[in-house]
Amino acid sequence: MKIKLFVLRVFRFFFDTGTHSGLSLERGIATARRCSPTCSLLRFVLSLSAMLYRLSALLCCCLLVGCGEPQLYDVWAVVTLNGEPLAEAEVMLLPVREGGVSAFGVTDAEGMVVFKAGERVGGFSGTYIVTVSKTTEERRLTNNEIRALAEAGIRYRPSMVELVPERYTCREMSDLRVRIGYWRSRDWVFDLRAE
């Protein structure tokens, strides 16, 4: 009779609507403890299921905390060349680790740049290599010269000149590094020096 009552209670424990509460779990274990010594295997299974229930709840909580998008931080910088603001320069933050997301921006007239990661303003946490580039035409042709070339069937391709020293334009050569993160600075001054 006791075993039938115990099996009925265990069945209710697992299939009843209130089975997922900790109280029902505790009641099932208490019932198993009141049973005869022959139920020790069942007591072990119930205590194991209680432990697995709690562990799975803890794991779900941990996963929910870790889910979501990575933190995007507002980051900006001022770029100067020999102490003067560098306008219209392209500045890139290239992630050191693989799989990171780079950030990009163009300086304004005062040399200030606000970075964007894709279409979103800001940068993700991590360590970045900074590259700066600004190009201009070597010799700007007049409209009449461009028209004369077009009439002669020559396609005009302006030759571009890099205004920033090479060591800042290339990922492999740049010694500029920044870290983005919660406790890190998110505004920098990059004072580039020409050789």
C-alpha atoms as a PDB file:
ATOM      1  CA  MET A   1       0.000   0.000   0.000  1.00  0.00           C
ATOM      2  CA  LYS A   2       2.797   2.406   0.880  1.00  0.00           C
ATOM      3  CA  ILE A   3       4.540   1.719  -2.424  1.00  0.00           C
ATOM      4  CA  LYS A   4       1.324   2.359  -4.397  1.00  0.00           C
ATOM      5  CA  LEU A   5       0.820   5.612  -2.543  1.00  0.00           C
ATOM      6  CA  PHE A   6       4.441   6.547  -3.145  1.00  0.00           C
ATOM      7  CA  VAL A   7       4.253   5.746  -6.885  1.00  0.00           C
ATOM      8  CA  LEU A   8       1.050   7.778  -7.125  1.00  0.00           C
ATOM      9  CA  ARG A   9       2.721  10.738  -5.443  1.00  0.00           C
ATOM     10  CA  VAL A  10       5.773  10.478  -7.687  1.00  0.00           C
ATOM     11  CA  PHE A  11       3.482  10.276 -10.727  1.00  0.00           C
ATOM     12  CA  ARG A  12       1.653  13.408  -9.565  1.00  0.00           C
ATOM     13  CA  PHE A  13       4.986  15.069  -8.890  1.00  0.00           C
ATOM     14  CA  PHE A  14       6.159  14.633 -12.484  1.00  0.00           C
ATOM     15  CA  PHE A  15       2.876  15.061 -14.365  1.00  0.00           C
ATOM     16  CA  ASP A  16       0.877  17.450 -12.218  1.00  0.00           C
ATOM     17  CA  THR A  17       0.555  21.089 -13.347  1.00  0.00           C
ATOM     18  CA  GLY A  18       2.541  22.310 -10.358  1.00  0.00           C
ATOM     19  CA  THR A  19       5.466  19.960 -10.927  1.00  0.00           C
ATOM     20  CA  HIS A  20       7.939  22.595 -11.966  1.00  0.00           C
ATOM     21  CA  SER A  21       8.010  24.427  -8.675  1.00  0.00           C
ATOM     22  CA  GLY A  22      10.704  23.770  -6.126  1.00  0.00           C
ATOM     23  CA  LEU A  23       8.033  22.981  -3.495  1.00  0.00           C
ATOM     24  CA  SER A  24       6.697  20.011  -5.494  1.00  0.00           C
ATOM     25  CA  LEU A  25      10.222  18.736  -5.930  1.00  0.00           C
ATOM     26  CA  GLU A  26      10.890  18.996  -2.233  1.00  0.00           C
ATOM     27  CA  ARG A  27       7.604  17.196  -1.446  1.00  0.00           C
ATOM     28  CA  GLY A  28       8.593  14.324  -3.737  1.00  0.00           C
ATOM     29  CA  ILE A  29      11.931  13.936  -2.001  1.00  0.00           C
ATOM     30  CA  ALA A  30      10.304  14.085   1.426  1.00  0.00           C
ATOM     31  CA  THR A  31       7.871  11.367   0.362  1.00  0.00           C
ATOM     32  CA  ALA A  32      10.743   9.201  -0.848  1.00  0.00           C
ATOM     33  CA  ARG A  33      12.490   9.602   2.513  1.00  0.00           C
ATOM     34  CA  ARG A  34       9.404   8.406   4.409  1.00  0.00           C
ATOM     35  CA  CYS A  35       9.290   5.228   2.325  1.00  0.00           C
ATOM     36  CA  SER A  36      10.789   1.907   3.390  1.00  0.00           C
ATOM     37  CA  PRO A  37      14.541   1.241   2.990  1.00  0.00           C
ATOM     38  CA  THR A  38      13.822  -0.695  -0.212  1.00  0.00           C
ATOM     39  CA  CYS A  39      13.117   2.625  -1.917  1.00  0.00           C
ATOM     40  CA  SER A  40      16.689   3.875  -1.555  1.00  0.00           C
ATOM     41  CA  LEU A  41      17.258   3.667  -5.311  1.00  0.00           C
ATOM     42  CA  LEU A  42      14.158   5.747  -5.905  1.00  0.00           C
ATOM     43  CA  ARG A  43      15.319   8.247  -3.295  1.00  0.00           C
ATOM     44  CA  PHE A  44      18.645   8.499  -5.103  1.00  0.00           C
ATOM     45  CA  VAL A  45      16.912   9.079  -8.459  1.00  0.00           C
ATOM     46  CA  LEU A  46      14.687  11.777  -6.988  1.00  0.00           C
ATOM     47  CA  SER A  47      17.575  13.567  -5.324  1.00  0.00           C
ATOM     48  CA  LEU A  48      19.525  13.330  -8.582  1.00  0.00           C
ATOM     49  CA  SER A  49      16.564  14.756 -10.508  1.00  0.00           C
ATOM     50  CA  ALA A  50      16.278  17.579  -7.969  1.00  0.00           C
ATOM     51  CA  MET A  51      19.944  18.393  -8.438  1.00  0.00           C
ATOM     52  CA  LEU A  52      19.602  18.279 -12.244  1.00  0.00           C
ATOM     53  CA  TYR A  53      16.496  20.476 -12.037  1.00  0.00           C
ATOM     54  CA  ARG A  54      18.375  23.099 -10.049  1.00  0.00           C
ATOM     55  CA  LEU A  55      21.430  22.879 -12.296  1.00  0.00           C
ATOM     56  CA  SER A  56      19.315  23.271 -15.421  1.00  0.00           C
ATOM     57  CA  ALA A  57      17.600  26.323 -13.908  1.00  0.00           C
ATOM     58  CA  LEU A  58      20.997  27.799 -13.067  1.00  0.00           C
ATOM     59  CA  LEU A  59      22.298  27.056 -16.565  1.00  0.00           C
ATOM     60  CA  CYS A  60      19.254  28.728 -18.137  1.00  0.00           C
ATOM     61  CA  CYS A  61      19.815  31.828 -16.000  1.00  0.00           C
ATOM     62  CA  CYS A  62      23.492  31.931 -16.982  1.00  0.00           C
ATOM     63  CA  LEU A  63      22.633  31.584 -20.660  1.00  0.00           C
ATOM     64  CA  LEU A  64      20.032  34.330 -20.471  1.00  0.00           C
ATOM     65  CA  VAL A  65      22.514  36.685 -18.848  1.00  0.00           C
ATOM     66  CA  GLY A  66      25.074  35.949 -21.577  1.00  0.00           C
ATOM     67  CA  CYS A  67      22.625  36.327 -24.463  1.00  0.00           C
ATOM     68  CA  GLY A  68      22.139  39.446 -26.508  1.00  0.00           C
ATOM     69  CA  GLU A  69      24.315  41.667 -28.588  1.00  0.00           C
ATOM     70  CA  PRO A  70      27.820  42.705 -27.620  1.00  0.00           C
ATOM     71  CA  GLN A  71      28.088  46.126 -26.003  1.00  0.00           C
ATOM     72  CA  LEU A  72      28.559  49.004 -28.453  1.00  0.00           C
ATOM     73  CA  TYR A  73      30.443  52.005 -27.016  1.00  0.00           C
ATOM     74  CA  ASP A  74      30.490  55.587 -28.296  1.00  0.00           C
ATOM     75  CA  VAL A  75      34.043  56.249 -29.479  1.00  0.00           C
ATOM     76  CA  TRP A  76      35.593  59.320 -31.053  1.00  0.00           C
ATOM     77  CA  ALA A  77      39.031  60.786 -31.686  1.00  0.00           C
ATOM     78  CA  VAL A  78      40.869  63.879 -32.847  1.00  0.00           C
ATOM     79  CA  VAL A  79      43.497  63.389 -35.556  1.00  0.00           C
ATOM     80  CA  THR A  80      46.311  65.881 -36.099  1.00  0.00           C
ATOM     81  CA  LEU A  81      49.292  65.882 -38.446  1.00  0.00           C
ATOM     82  CA  ASN A  82      52.287  67.731 -37.015  1.00  0.00           C
ATOM     83  CA  GLY A  83      49.981  69.463 -34.528  1.00  0.00           C
ATOM     84  CA  GLU A  84      47.443  70.671 -37.127  1.00  0.00           C
ATOM     85  CA  PRO A  85      43.936  69.147 -37.452  1.00  0.00           C
ATOM     86  CA  LEU A  86      43.774  66.640 -40.316  1.00  0.00           C
ATOM     87  CA  ALA A  87      40.474  67.190 -42.160  1.00  0.00           C
ATOM     88  CA  GLU A  88      38.777  64.630 -44.430  1.00  0.00           C
ATOM     89  CA  ALA A  89      41.037  61.753 -43.368  1.00  0.00           C
ATOM     90  CA  GLU A  90      39.731  58.188 -43.270  1.00  0.00           C
ATOM     91  CA  VAL A  91      40.361  56.573 -39.881  1.00  0.00           C
ATOM     92  CA  MET A  92      39.884  52.837 -39.320  1.00  0.00           C
ATOM     93  CA  LEU A  93      39.881  50.772 -36.142  1.00  0.00           C
ATOM     94  CA  LEU A  94      40.924  47.271 -37.178  1.00  0.00           C
ATOM     95  CA  PRO A  95      40.387  44.508 -34.581  1.00  0.00           C
ATOM     96  CA  VAL A  96      43.483  42.663 -33.392  1.00  0.00           C
ATOM     97  CA  ARG A  97      41.617  39.395 -32.826  1.00  0.00           C
ATOM     98  CA  GLU A  98      40.005  37.511 -35.674  1.00  0.00           C
ATOM     99  CA  GLY A  99      36.262  37.819 -35.987  1.00  0.00           C
ATOM    100  CA  GLY A 100      36.132  41.289 -34.483  1.00  0.00           C
ATOM    101  CA  VAL A 101      34.167  44.116 -36.096  1.00  0.00           C
ATOM    102  CA  SER A 102      36.112  47.074 -37.438  1.00  0.00           C
ATOM    103  CA  ALA A 103      34.980  50.673 -37.033  1.00  0.00           C
ATOM    104  CA  PHE A 104      35.369  53.525 -39.514  1.00  0.00           C
ATOM    105  CA  GLY A 105      35.053  57.272 -39.624  1.00  0.00           C
ATOM    106  CA  VAL A 106      36.037  60.401 -41.566  1.00  0.00           C
ATOM    107  CA  THR A 107      37.447  63.463 -39.817  1.00  0.00           C
ATOM    108  CA  ASP A 108      35.702  66.829 -39.976  1.00  0.00           C
ATOM    109  CA  ALA A 109      37.361  70.243 -40.413  1.00  0.00           C
ATOM    110  CA  GLU A 110      38.645  70.200 -36.791  1.00  0.00           C
ATOM    111  CA  GLY A 111      40.097  66.705 -37.196  1.00  0.00           C
ATOM    112  CA  MET A 112      37.381  65.055 -35.079  1.00  0.00           C
ATOM    113  CA  VAL A 113      36.068  61.642 -36.069  1.00  0.00           C
ATOM    114  CA  VAL A 114      33.076  59.696 -34.698  1.00  0.00           C
ATOM    115  CA  PHE A 115      33.409  55.977 -35.407  1.00  0.00           C
ATOM    116  CA  LYS A 116      30.764  53.674 -36.824  1.00  0.00           C
ATOM    117  CA  ALA A 117      30.701  49.880 -36.737  1.00  0.00           C
ATOM    118  CA  GLY A 118      28.703  49.059 -39.834  1.00  0.00           C
ATOM    119  CA  GLU A 119      25.670  51.338 -39.814  1.00  0.00           C
ATOM    120  CA  ARG A 120      25.690  51.848 -36.043  1.00  0.00           C
ATOM    121  CA  VAL A 121      27.579  54.636 -34.292  1.00  0.00           C
ATOM    122  CA  GLY A 122      30.262  53.336 -31.938  1.00  0.00           C
ATOM    123  CA  GLY A 123      32.708  50.478 -31.575  1.00  0.00           C
ATOM    124  CA  PHE A 124      32.672  47.087 -29.869  1.00  0.00           C
ATOM    125  CA  SER A 125      34.922  46.263 -26.945  1.00  0.00           C
ATOM    126  CA  GLY A 126      38.366  44.965 -27.824  1.00  0.00           C
ATOM    127  CA  THR A 127      41.851  45.972 -28.924  1.00  0.00           C
ATOM    128  CA  TYR A 128      42.247  47.742 -32.256  1.00  0.00           C
ATOM    129  CA  ILE A 129      45.002  48.832 -34.633  1.00  0.00           C
ATOM    130  CA  VAL A 130      44.410  52.370 -35.945  1.00  0.00           C
ATOM    131  CA  THR A 131      45.111  53.333 -39.554  1.00  0.00           C
ATOM    132  CA  VAL A 132      44.769  56.846 -40.988  1.00  0.00           C
ATOM    133  CA  SER A 133      44.711  57.764 -44.664  1.00  0.00           C
ATOM    134  CA  LYS A 134      44.152  60.951 -46.634  1.00  0.00           C
ATOM    135  CA  THR A 135      44.667  61.148 -50.363  1.00  0.00           C
ATOM    136  CA  THR A 136      44.474  64.007 -52.813  1.00  0.00           C
ATOM    137  CA  GLU A 137      45.053  64.403 -56.527  1.00  0.00           C
ATOM    138  CA  GLU A 138      48.688  64.945 -57.426  1.00  0.00           C
ATOM    139  CA  ARG A 139      47.794  67.660 -59.936  1.00  0.00           C
ATOM    140  CA  ARG A 140      44.227  68.791 -60.348  1.00  0.00           C
ATOM    141  CA  LEU A 141      43.239  69.264 -63.994  1.00  0.00           C
ATOM    142  CA  THR A 142      40.935  72.028 -65.106  1.00  0.00           C
ATOM    143  CA  ASN A 143      37.563  71.227 -66.668  1.00  0.00           C
ATOM    144  CA  ASN A 144      38.897  72.270 -70.111  1.00  0.00           C
ATOM    145  CA  GLU A 145      41.814  69.820 -69.797  1.00  0.00           C
ATOM    146  CA  ILE A 146      39.500  66.983 -68.760  1.00  0.00           C
ATOM    147  CA  ARG A 147      37.138  67.793 -71.680  1.00  0.00           C
ATOM    148  CA  ALA A 148      40.076  67.829 -74.166  1.00  0.00           C
ATOM    149  CA  LEU A 149      41.213  64.398 -72.912  1.00  0.00           C
ATOM    150  CA  ALA A 150      37.667  63.031 -73.263  1.00  0.00           C
ATOM    151  CA  GLU A 151      37.391  64.345 -76.854  1.00  0.00           C
ATOM    152  CA  ALA A 152      40.699  62.658 -77.677  1.00  0.00           C
ATOM    153  CA  GLY A 153      39.302  59.365 -76.312  1.00  0.00           C
ATOM    154  CA  ILE A 154      41.581  59.303 -73.296  1.00  0.00           C
ATOM    155  CA  ARG A 155      40.010  58.327 -70.025  1.00  0.00           C
ATOM    156  CA  TYR A 156      41.176  60.583 -67.238  1.00  0.00           C
ATOM    157  CA  ARG A 157      42.320  58.821 -64.074  1.00  0.00           C
ATOM    158  CA  PRO A 158      43.726  61.181 -61.505  1.00  0.00           C
ATOM    159  CA  SER A 159      46.906  60.067 -59.806  1.00  0.00           C
ATOM    160  CA  MET A 160      46.456  60.191 -56.056  1.00  0.00           C
ATOM    161  CA  VAL A 161      49.049  61.137 -53.457  1.00  0.00           C
ATOM    162  CA  GLU A 162      48.942  59.966 -49.832  1.00  0.00           C
ATOM    163  CA  LEU A 163      49.333  62.878 -47.416  1.00  0.00           C
ATOM    164  CA  VAL A 164      49.760  60.750 -44.273  1.00  0.00           C
ATOM    165  CA  PRO A 165      53.119  59.040 -43.602  1.00  0.00           C
ATOM    166  CA  GLU A 166      53.090  55.398 -44.709  1.00  0.00           C
ATOM    167  CA  ARG A 167      53.625  54.008 -41.215  1.00  0.00           C
ATOM    168  CA  TYR A 168      50.101  55.170 -40.231  1.00  0.00           C
ATOM    169  CA  THR A 169      48.295  53.978 -43.381  1.00  0.00           C
ATOM    170  CA  CYS A 170      49.121  50.273 -43.232  1.00  0.00           C
ATOM    171  CA  ARG A 171      47.829  47.777 -40.662  1.00  0.00           C
ATOM    172  CA  GLU A 172      51.147  45.952 -40.516  1.00  0.00           C
ATOM    173  CA  MET A 173      53.165  49.131 -39.908  1.00  0.00           C
ATOM    174  CA  SER A 174      50.878  51.206 -37.681  1.00  0.00           C
ATOM    175  CA  ASP A 175      51.977  51.504 -34.065  1.00  0.00           C
ATOM    176  CA  LEU A 176      48.691  53.165 -33.033  1.00  0.00           C
ATOM    177  CA  ARG A 177      46.656  50.908 -30.714  1.00  0.00           C
ATOM    178  CA  VAL A 178      43.475  51.549 -28.737  1.00  0.00           C
ATOM    179  CA  ARG A 179      41.291  49.522 -26.380  1.00  0.00           C
ATOM    180  CA  ILE A 180      37.549  49.938 -26.219  1.00  0.00           C
ATOM    181  CA  GLY A 181      35.722  48.734 -23.137  1.00  0.00           C
ATOM    182  CA  TYR A 182      33.627  49.679 -20.153  1.00  0.00           C
ATOM    183  CA  TRP A 183      36.508  51.020 -18.032  1.00  0.00           C
ATOM    184  CA  ARG A 184      38.586  52.206 -20.991  1.00  0.00           C
ATOM    185  CA  SER A 185      38.966  55.664 -22.471  1.00  0.00           C
ATOM    186  CA  ARG A 186      36.773  56.149 -25.513  1.00  0.00           C
ATOM    187  CA  ASP A 187      38.191  59.407 -26.796  1.00  0.00           C
ATOM    188  CA  TRP A 188      41.693  59.700 -28.156  1.00  0.00           C
ATOM    189  CA  VAL A 189      44.071  62.165 -29.763  1.00  0.00           C
ATOM    190  CA  PHE A 190      46.174  60.745 -32.598  1.00  0.00           C
ATOM    191  CA  ASP A 191      49.020  63.164 -33.212  1.00  0.00           C
ATOM    192  CA  LEU A 192      50.682  61.909 -36.389  1.00  0.00           C
ATOM    193  CA  ARG A 193      54.225  63.004 -37.171  1.00  0.00           C
ATOM    194  CA  ALA A 194      55.640  63.324 -40.673  1.00  0.00           C
ATOM    195  CA  GLU A 195      59.208  62.099 -41.108  1.00  0.00           C
END
